[in-house]
Amino acid sequence: MKKTPLAETHEKLGARMVDFAGWYMPVQYIGLREEHNNVRTNVGLFDVSHMGEVRVKGPKALETLEWLTTNDVSKLNDGEAQYSLLPNDQGGLVDDIIVYCLKKNEDYLVCVNASNKDKDFAWMTKHNKGADMTDESDLWGQIAIQGPKALELCHRVLGMKVGEMKPFTVQHGQFQNHKIMVATTGYTGEKGCEVFVEAGGTVALWMALLEQGKDLGVMPIGLGARDTLRTEMKYSLYGHEIDDTTNPYEAGLGWVIKPAKKDFMGKNLIVGKKEAGLSRNLVGFKMLEKGIPRQGYSLFSFDNKEIGKVTSGTHSPTLDEPVGIAYIDLAHAKEGTEFLLDIRGRKVKAVVVKTPFVQK
């Protein structure tokens, strides 16, 4: 398994370590519920150094990224970022990503999912329009600082007024002579930022955040709580809500597709499916009867027709009730519609609800 710069630090902190997409990662420290709730009430630290970073530079950088991604990269100015998608040539998705503009038209950093890093880089390289493209993943550690008290902690440790930064922006800085990039992005729905730090400075930054955040209730957070936090916000996770076959419109990601602004990989197939009429939508639901939904469970109408599949499900620590995300036939996708969920042969009632499950 690959290890982040913080692997030994996690062990010393008593984390339970697991294999996640080939990485040796902490799934929890003191317990999923406690860690989850601490992010919602105080502040939590996430080691996301396993994420991939692809640098795209040069005179052809913008042209390349415009072709490779669905969102309009041309509107990004220095220090701005956007959520976007890497479409494939079959109308599906290679990955979901964040594009950071470091210098307009010339220098961009693309953050990709850990499980897809090699696949993404190969795809981007294959369809490069002449940019200088480099896999910088080994050069960077990455720490996400999330929660109501996250901005106070960032200000203390980084000496930067992160609270004054707009969402989806990025600024350069330094921490103990290591280059950092502070981005106001995250995966929890809470305030906070994600800090890219030169790999050699990752441990020092992590320990400084823990030490200086004691009075704020700072806590290291594992992958278990990261997943329940993002599920409560109905944020997509590759391999669950989206994959190589997903049409992004049915996943509710039409807001990051800009077909009127530009051409991009797979555009005609992606837009064509929408124009022909989508057959399903991604929705959130809650249980009306006892049971916890899990990925792969089937959804049924009351006349016993299969109408969908669960993509993610958990017991929400914030709401203290089971919630799930699922693809469901359009006829049953309206908020308030009830259906049956098959839990290992037992069909129980559930209902489509408004998302995110936790309003922030």
Foldseek 3Di string as FASTA:
>chain_A
DAEALCLVVCVVLQFDWDQDLNYTFGAFRPDQLVQLVCLAAFKEKEWPLLWWKKKWFDQCRLVLVQAQWQFRLQVDAAFFKDWIFGAAQQQFGLFTWMWHHNHHSGIIMIITGNNRRVVVLVVSVVSGPDIDMDTCSLFKIKMWMGHQHAQVLCCVQFVDNVVPDDARGWDWGDHPNWIKIWHQDDQQPGGTTMIITGRVCPVVSVVSSCVVCVVRVYDYGGPNSSVLRNLLQLDDDEVFLGYNPDLVVQAVNPVRGDPVVHHYRNVCVSVVCVVVPDFKHKFKKFFPDDDWDAFAWFWAAPVGDTFWTWRHKDQRSVVRGIMTIIIGTPVQQDFFRKTWTQDPNDTGIMTTHDDSNDDD
